[in-house]
Amino acid sequence: MNRILFLLSLVIVLTSCRTSKIKEIQVVKLAETTKSWNGDKLPNYPEGNPKITVLKITIPPKTKLHKHYHPVINSGILLKGALTVIDKDNNVLKLKAGDIIVELVNKVHYGINEGNKPAEIVVFYSGTEDLPITVIEKD
């Protein structure tokens, strides 16, 4: 009797799988690189206990960020607005909503929102417990 119930259940499950539409999962690779946006090779990951930090940063219109650097590898996606990033060698990256950035590591840079709307970016930092994710450059 148990065998018959099992076979009947199996037939019902298989029949329902064939008749229902299965939605396909889509995967889109947004970035894969060994270099930051200006072409610098990314460094090795630091030694120590790993720490992942994810920040959503909103930069008001007509705002220039402080010059800073990141001791850890990070990348982000600009969700809204536009953002210009400039490094110490005057390399310029212009981002619009949907663009990906693989940030500079240990190189001074800054961002500017030159637009009339806030720029909103989500940034993923891959560091260690003992390292800051951002260091403000002293003028």
N, C-alpha and C. Protein backbone atom coordinates (compact mmCIF):
# COMPACT_ATOMS: atom_id res chain seq x y z
N MET A 1 0.82 -1.19 0.00
CA MET A 1 0.00 0.00 0.00
C MET A 1 0.87 1.26 0.00
N ASN A 2 1.91 1.29 0.84
CA ASN A 2 2.82 2.44 0.89
C ASN A 2 3.51 2.65 -0.45
N ARG A 3 3.83 1.54 -1.11
CA ARG A 3 4.49 1.61 -2.40
C ARG A 3 3.57 2.24 -3.46
N ILE A 4 2.32 1.88 -3.42
CA ILE A 4 1.34 2.42 -4.36
C ILE A 4 1.15 3.92 -4.11
N LEU A 5 1.04 4.32 -2.84
CA LEU A 5 0.90 5.75 -2.50
C LEU A 5 2.12 6.54 -2.94
N PHE A 6 3.30 5.97 -2.76
CA PHE A 6 4.53 6.63 -3.18
C PHE A 6 4.54 6.83 -4.69
N LEU A 7 4.24 5.78 -5.46
CA LEU A 7 4.22 5.87 -6.92
C LEU A 7 3.17 6.86 -7.40
N LEU A 8 2.01 6.86 -6.78
CA LEU A 8 0.95 7.80 -7.14
C LEU A 8 1.39 9.23 -6.87
N SER A 9 2.02 9.46 -5.75
CA SER A 9 2.53 10.79 -5.40
C SER A 9 3.59 11.23 -6.39
N LEU A 10 4.48 10.31 -6.76
CA LEU A 10 5.53 10.62 -7.71
C LEU A 10 4.95 11.01 -9.07
N VAL A 11 3.95 10.30 -9.52
CA VAL A 11 3.30 10.61 -10.80
C VAL A 11 2.65 11.99 -10.75
N ILE A 12 2.00 12.32 -9.65
CA ILE A 12 1.35 13.63 -9.50
C ILE A 12 2.39 14.75 -9.53
N VAL A 13 3.48 14.56 -8.81
CA VAL A 13 4.54 15.58 -8.77
C VAL A 13 5.16 15.77 -10.15
N LEU A 14 5.49 14.68 -10.81
CA LEU A 14 6.11 14.78 -12.13
C LEU A 14 5.16 15.40 -13.15
N THR A 15 3.90 15.07 -13.09
CA THR A 15 2.91 15.64 -14.01
C THR A 15 2.75 17.13 -13.78
N SER A 16 2.69 17.54 -12.52
CA SER A 16 2.53 18.97 -12.24
C SER A 16 3.77 19.76 -12.64
N CYS A 17 4.95 19.15 -12.57
CA CYS A 17 6.17 19.85 -12.98
C CYS A 17 6.19 20.07 -14.48
N ARG A 18 5.68 19.12 -15.25
CA ARG A 18 5.67 19.25 -16.70
C ARG A 18 4.65 20.28 -17.17
N THR A 19 3.54 20.37 -16.49
CA THR A 19 2.49 21.26 -16.97
C THR A 19 2.64 22.69 -16.48
N SER A 20 3.34 22.89 -15.36
CA SER A 20 3.53 24.26 -14.88
C SER A 20 4.74 24.87 -15.56
N LYS A 21 4.69 26.16 -15.77
CA LYS A 21 5.83 26.85 -16.39
C LYS A 21 6.87 27.13 -15.32
N ILE A 22 8.06 26.71 -15.58
CA ILE A 22 9.16 26.98 -14.65
C ILE A 22 9.89 28.21 -15.15
N LYS A 23 9.99 29.22 -14.30
CA LYS A 23 10.68 30.45 -14.67
C LYS A 23 12.18 30.21 -14.62
N GLU A 24 12.87 30.77 -15.61
CA GLU A 24 14.30 30.63 -15.65
C GLU A 24 14.98 31.67 -14.77
N ILE A 25 15.98 31.22 -14.05
CA ILE A 25 16.80 32.12 -13.26
C ILE A 25 17.83 32.72 -14.19
N GLN A 26 17.99 34.02 -14.13
CA GLN A 26 18.97 34.68 -14.98
C GLN A 26 20.10 35.23 -14.14
N VAL A 27 21.30 35.07 -14.63
CA VAL A 27 22.49 35.59 -13.96
C VAL A 27 23.20 36.50 -14.94
N VAL A 28 23.46 37.74 -14.52
CA VAL A 28 24.17 38.70 -15.35
C VAL A 28 25.43 39.11 -14.59
N LYS A 29 26.58 38.87 -15.19
CA LYS A 29 27.84 39.26 -14.56
C LYS A 29 28.02 40.76 -14.77
N LEU A 30 28.07 41.52 -13.69
CA LEU A 30 28.21 42.96 -13.78
C LEU A 30 29.67 43.40 -13.84
N ALA A 31 30.53 42.63 -13.24
CA ALA A 31 31.96 42.97 -13.28
C ALA A 31 32.77 41.74 -12.93
N GLU A 32 33.92 41.61 -13.57
CA GLU A 32 34.92 40.62 -13.20
C GLU A 32 36.25 41.16 -13.71
N THR A 33 37.14 41.45 -12.78
CA THR A 33 38.38 42.10 -13.18
C THR A 33 39.46 41.87 -12.14
N THR A 34 40.69 42.10 -12.54
CA THR A 34 41.83 42.07 -11.63
C THR A 34 42.41 43.48 -11.47
N LYS A 35 41.70 44.47 -12.04
CA LYS A 35 42.18 45.84 -12.03
C LYS A 35 41.11 46.80 -11.53
N SER A 36 41.54 47.92 -10.97
CA SER A 36 40.61 48.98 -10.58
C SER A 36 40.25 49.80 -11.82
N TRP A 37 39.37 50.78 -11.64
CA TRP A 37 38.84 51.53 -12.78
C TRP A 37 39.89 52.28 -13.58
N ASN A 38 41.01 52.64 -12.96
CA ASN A 38 42.04 53.38 -13.71
C ASN A 38 43.12 52.47 -14.30
N GLY A 39 42.94 51.16 -14.17
CA GLY A 39 43.89 50.21 -14.75
C GLY A 39 44.91 49.65 -13.78
N ASP A 40 44.97 50.19 -12.55
CA ASP A 40 45.90 49.65 -11.55
C ASP A 40 45.52 48.22 -11.20
N LYS A 41 46.53 47.36 -11.03
CA LYS A 41 46.29 45.98 -10.63
C LYS A 41 45.81 45.97 -9.17
N LEU A 42 44.81 45.16 -8.88
CA LEU A 42 44.33 45.04 -7.50
C LEU A 42 45.38 44.30 -6.67
N PRO A 43 45.56 44.71 -5.41
CA PRO A 43 46.55 44.06 -4.55
C PRO A 43 46.02 42.73 -4.02
N ASN A 44 46.90 41.97 -3.39
CA ASN A 44 46.46 40.76 -2.69
C ASN A 44 45.57 41.16 -1.52
N TYR A 45 44.70 40.26 -1.15
CA TYR A 45 43.89 40.52 0.04
C TYR A 45 44.79 40.55 1.26
N PRO A 46 44.46 41.41 2.24
CA PRO A 46 45.31 41.49 3.44
C PRO A 46 45.15 40.25 4.32
N GLU A 47 46.17 39.99 5.12
CA GLU A 47 46.11 38.90 6.10
C GLU A 47 45.24 39.34 7.27
N GLY A 48 44.60 38.40 7.91
CA GLY A 48 43.79 38.71 9.09
C GLY A 48 42.38 38.14 8.96
N ASN A 49 41.59 38.38 9.99
CA ASN A 49 40.21 37.91 9.99
C ASN A 49 39.39 38.74 9.00
N PRO A 50 38.73 38.09 8.04
CA PRO A 50 37.99 38.83 7.02
C PRO A 50 36.83 39.61 7.61
N LYS A 51 36.57 40.75 6.98
CA LYS A 51 35.40 41.56 7.35
C LYS A 51 34.83 42.15 6.06
N ILE A 52 33.58 41.88 5.81
CA ILE A 52 32.87 42.44 4.66
C ILE A 52 31.98 43.56 5.17
N THR A 53 32.04 44.70 4.49
CA THR A 53 31.20 45.85 4.83
C THR A 53 30.46 46.26 3.56
N VAL A 54 29.16 46.51 3.70
CA VAL A 54 28.35 46.99 2.58
C VAL A 54 27.71 48.29 3.02
N LEU A 55 27.98 49.36 2.25
CA LEU A 55 27.43 50.68 2.58
C LEU A 55 26.57 51.20 1.44
N LYS A 56 25.49 51.86 1.79
CA LYS A 56 24.72 52.63 0.81
C LYS A 56 25.01 54.09 1.13
N ILE A 57 25.60 54.79 0.16
CA ILE A 57 26.07 56.16 0.37
C ILE A 57 25.26 57.09 -0.53
N THR A 58 24.71 58.15 0.06
CA THR A 58 23.99 59.15 -0.71
C THR A 58 24.79 60.44 -0.68
N ILE A 59 25.12 60.94 -1.87
CA ILE A 59 25.91 62.16 -2.01
C ILE A 59 24.99 63.25 -2.54
N PRO A 60 24.78 64.30 -1.77
CA PRO A 60 23.87 65.37 -2.20
C PRO A 60 24.36 66.05 -3.48
N PRO A 61 23.44 66.71 -4.19
CA PRO A 61 23.83 67.46 -5.39
C PRO A 61 24.90 68.49 -5.09
N LYS A 62 25.75 68.75 -6.08
CA LYS A 62 26.79 69.79 -5.98
C LYS A 62 27.71 69.58 -4.79
N THR A 63 28.05 68.31 -4.51
CA THR A 63 28.89 67.99 -3.36
C THR A 63 30.17 67.31 -3.81
N LYS A 64 31.29 67.77 -3.25
CA LYS A 64 32.60 67.18 -3.51
C LYS A 64 33.03 66.44 -2.24
N LEU A 65 33.39 65.19 -2.38
CA LEU A 65 33.86 64.41 -1.24
C LEU A 65 35.30 64.79 -0.89
N HIS A 66 35.69 64.51 0.36
CA HIS A 66 37.08 64.71 0.78
C HIS A 66 37.98 63.77 -0.01
N LYS A 67 39.22 64.21 -0.22
CA LYS A 67 40.22 63.30 -0.79
C LYS A 67 40.43 62.18 0.21
N HIS A 68 40.48 60.96 -0.28
CA HIS A 68 40.59 59.80 0.60
C HIS A 68 41.20 58.63 -0.17
N TYR A 69 41.48 57.55 0.56
CA TYR A 69 41.90 56.30 -0.07
C TYR A 69 41.31 55.13 0.71
N HIS A 70 41.31 53.98 0.06
CA HIS A 70 40.79 52.76 0.66
C HIS A 70 41.92 51.75 0.79
N PRO A 71 42.21 51.27 2.02
CA PRO A 71 43.24 50.25 2.19
C PRO A 71 42.76 48.84 1.81
N VAL A 72 41.48 48.73 1.41
CA VAL A 72 40.91 47.41 1.09
C VAL A 72 40.25 47.45 -0.29
N ILE A 73 40.16 46.28 -0.90
CA ILE A 73 39.49 46.16 -2.20
C ILE A 73 38.00 46.42 -2.01
N ASN A 74 37.43 47.19 -2.95
CA ASN A 74 35.99 47.45 -2.88
C ASN A 74 35.45 47.73 -4.27
N SER A 75 34.16 47.52 -4.40
CA SER A 75 33.48 47.82 -5.66
C SER A 75 32.07 48.25 -5.35
N GLY A 76 31.46 48.92 -6.31
CA GLY A 76 30.11 49.41 -6.06
C GLY A 76 29.30 49.54 -7.33
N ILE A 77 28.03 49.83 -7.12
CA ILE A 77 27.13 50.08 -8.23
C ILE A 77 26.36 51.37 -7.92
N LEU A 78 26.37 52.28 -8.88
CA LEU A 78 25.65 53.54 -8.72
C LEU A 78 24.18 53.28 -9.04
N LEU A 79 23.33 53.48 -8.03
CA LEU A 79 21.91 53.21 -8.19
C LEU A 79 21.15 54.37 -8.80
N LYS A 80 21.51 55.58 -8.39
CA LYS A 80 20.80 56.79 -8.85
C LYS A 80 21.80 57.91 -9.08
N GLY A 81 21.44 58.81 -9.99
CA GLY A 81 22.23 60.01 -10.20
C GLY A 81 23.46 59.77 -11.05
N ALA A 82 24.42 60.68 -10.87
CA ALA A 82 25.69 60.62 -11.60
C ALA A 82 26.80 60.99 -10.63
N LEU A 83 27.99 60.48 -10.91
CA LEU A 83 29.13 60.72 -10.03
C LEU A 83 30.40 60.74 -10.87
N THR A 84 31.28 61.68 -10.57
CA THR A 84 32.58 61.75 -11.22
C THR A 84 33.63 61.42 -10.17
N VAL A 85 34.56 60.52 -10.52
CA VAL A 85 35.64 60.13 -9.61
C VAL A 85 36.95 60.52 -10.27
N ILE A 86 37.84 61.16 -9.47
CA ILE A 86 39.11 61.66 -9.98
C ILE A 86 40.23 61.16 -9.06
N ASP A 87 41.27 60.57 -9.65
CA ASP A 87 42.39 60.11 -8.82
C ASP A 87 43.50 61.16 -8.79
N LYS A 88 44.56 60.89 -8.04
CA LYS A 88 45.64 61.87 -7.85
C LYS A 88 46.42 62.14 -9.14
N ASP A 89 46.29 61.26 -10.13
CA ASP A 89 46.94 61.47 -11.43
C ASP A 89 46.01 62.13 -12.44
N ASN A 90 44.87 62.61 -11.95
CA ASN A 90 43.83 63.26 -12.77
C ASN A 90 43.17 62.33 -13.78
N ASN A 91 43.19 61.01 -13.52
CA ASN A 91 42.35 60.09 -14.29
C ASN A 91 40.91 60.34 -13.84
N VAL A 92 39.97 60.35 -14.78
CA VAL A 92 38.58 60.68 -14.49
C VAL A 92 37.68 59.53 -14.91
N LEU A 93 36.75 59.19 -14.02
CA LEU A 93 35.72 58.20 -14.32
C LEU A 93 34.37 58.85 -14.10
N LYS A 94 33.52 58.83 -15.13
CA LYS A 94 32.17 59.39 -15.02
C LYS A 94 31.21 58.22 -14.93
N LEU A 95 30.42 58.20 -13.85
CA LEU A 95 29.45 57.14 -13.62
C LEU A 95 28.03 57.67 -13.76
N LYS A 96 27.16 56.83 -14.30
CA LYS A 96 25.73 57.12 -14.34
C LYS A 96 25.01 55.94 -13.69
N ALA A 97 23.75 56.11 -13.36
CA ALA A 97 22.99 55.05 -12.70
C ALA A 97 23.14 53.73 -13.45
N GLY A 98 23.44 52.68 -12.70
CA GLY A 98 23.63 51.35 -13.27
C GLY A 98 25.08 50.99 -13.53
N ASP A 99 25.97 51.98 -13.49
CA ASP A 99 27.39 51.71 -13.73
C ASP A 99 28.05 51.07 -12.51
N ILE A 100 29.06 50.26 -12.79
CA ILE A 100 29.85 49.57 -11.77
C ILE A 100 31.20 50.28 -11.64
N ILE A 101 31.71 50.33 -10.42
CA ILE A 101 33.06 50.84 -10.19
C ILE A 101 33.83 49.82 -9.37
N VAL A 102 35.05 49.49 -9.81
CA VAL A 102 36.00 48.74 -9.00
C VAL A 102 37.00 49.78 -8.54
N GLU A 103 36.93 50.10 -7.26
CA GLU A 103 37.64 51.25 -6.71
C GLU A 103 39.15 51.07 -6.65
N LEU A 104 39.79 52.20 -6.48
CA LEU A 104 41.24 52.24 -6.29
C LEU A 104 41.57 51.78 -4.88
N VAL A 105 42.73 51.15 -4.74
CA VAL A 105 43.19 50.70 -3.43
C VAL A 105 44.49 51.43 -3.11
N ASN A 106 44.54 52.06 -1.94
CA ASN A 106 45.72 52.79 -1.48
C ASN A 106 46.16 53.90 -2.44
N LYS A 107 45.22 54.49 -3.13
CA LYS A 107 45.52 55.61 -4.03
C LYS A 107 44.49 56.71 -3.77
N VAL A 108 44.98 57.92 -3.52
CA VAL A 108 44.10 59.04 -3.18
C VAL A 108 43.22 59.41 -4.37
N HIS A 109 41.95 59.65 -4.06
CA HIS A 109 40.97 60.05 -5.06
C HIS A 109 39.81 60.75 -4.35
N TYR A 110 38.89 61.27 -5.13
CA TYR A 110 37.69 61.87 -4.56
C TYR A 110 36.57 61.80 -5.59
N GLY A 111 35.35 61.98 -5.11
CA GLY A 111 34.20 61.97 -5.99
C GLY A 111 33.47 63.29 -5.93
N ILE A 112 32.77 63.61 -7.02
CA ILE A 112 31.96 64.84 -7.09
C ILE A 112 30.60 64.48 -7.69
N ASN A 113 29.55 64.95 -7.03
CA ASN A 113 28.22 64.89 -7.63
C ASN A 113 27.97 66.27 -8.20
N GLU A 114 28.14 66.41 -9.50
CA GLU A 114 27.97 67.70 -10.16
C GLU A 114 26.52 67.94 -10.58
N GLY A 115 25.67 66.94 -10.39
CA GLY A 115 24.29 67.03 -10.83
C GLY A 115 23.37 67.76 -9.87
N ASN A 116 22.09 67.76 -10.24
CA ASN A 116 21.06 68.42 -9.43
C ASN A 116 20.24 67.44 -8.60
N LYS A 117 20.61 66.16 -8.65
CA LYS A 117 19.91 65.12 -7.89
C LYS A 117 20.94 64.37 -7.04
N PRO A 118 20.50 63.78 -5.92
CA PRO A 118 21.43 62.98 -5.12
C PRO A 118 21.98 61.80 -5.93
N ALA A 119 23.22 61.45 -5.66
CA ALA A 119 23.83 60.23 -6.22
C ALA A 119 23.79 59.18 -5.12
N GLU A 120 23.32 58.00 -5.47
CA GLU A 120 23.19 56.93 -4.48
C GLU A 120 23.98 55.73 -4.98
N ILE A 121 24.94 55.28 -4.16
CA ILE A 121 25.81 54.17 -4.55
C ILE A 121 25.87 53.15 -3.42
N VAL A 122 25.89 51.87 -3.78
CA VAL A 122 26.11 50.80 -2.81
C VAL A 122 27.52 50.28 -3.07
N VAL A 123 28.32 50.23 -1.98
CA VAL A 123 29.72 49.83 -2.09
C VAL A 123 29.97 48.62 -1.19
N PHE A 124 30.69 47.63 -1.73
CA PHE A 124 31.04 46.40 -1.03
C PHE A 124 32.53 46.40 -0.76
N TYR A 125 32.91 46.36 0.51
CA TYR A 125 34.32 46.40 0.93
C TYR A 125 34.73 45.01 1.42
N SER A 126 35.89 44.52 0.95
CA SER A 126 36.42 43.23 1.38
C SER A 126 37.72 43.48 2.12
N GLY A 127 37.64 43.56 3.44
CA GLY A 127 38.81 43.90 4.24
C GLY A 127 39.04 42.91 5.36
N THR A 128 39.65 43.41 6.40
CA THR A 128 39.88 42.62 7.62
C THR A 128 39.43 43.44 8.82
N GLU A 129 39.29 42.76 9.95
CA GLU A 129 38.80 43.41 11.16
C GLU A 129 39.67 44.59 11.60
N ASP A 130 40.97 44.53 11.30
CA ASP A 130 41.88 45.55 11.82
C ASP A 130 42.14 46.71 10.85
N LEU A 131 41.55 46.68 9.65
CA LEU A 131 41.79 47.75 8.68
C LEU A 131 40.56 48.63 8.51
N PRO A 132 40.77 49.95 8.43
CA PRO A 132 39.64 50.83 8.09
C PRO A 132 39.29 50.62 6.62
N ILE A 133 38.05 50.97 6.25
CA ILE A 133 37.67 50.85 4.84
C ILE A 133 37.99 52.13 4.06
N THR A 134 38.07 53.25 4.77
CA THR A 134 38.37 54.54 4.13
C THR A 134 39.24 55.36 5.06
N VAL A 135 40.22 56.05 4.48
CA VAL A 135 41.09 56.94 5.24
C VAL A 135 41.04 58.31 4.54
N ILE A 136 40.66 59.35 5.31
CA ILE A 136 40.61 60.71 4.76
C ILE A 136 42.03 61.25 4.64
N GLU A 137 42.35 61.78 3.47
CA GLU A 137 43.67 62.36 3.23
C GLU A 137 43.75 63.73 3.91
N LYS A 138 44.81 63.95 4.64
CA LYS A 138 45.01 65.26 5.27
C LYS A 138 45.69 66.18 4.29
N ASP A 139 45.13 67.37 4.11
CA ASP A 139 45.69 68.35 3.16
C ASP A 139 46.94 68.98 3.68
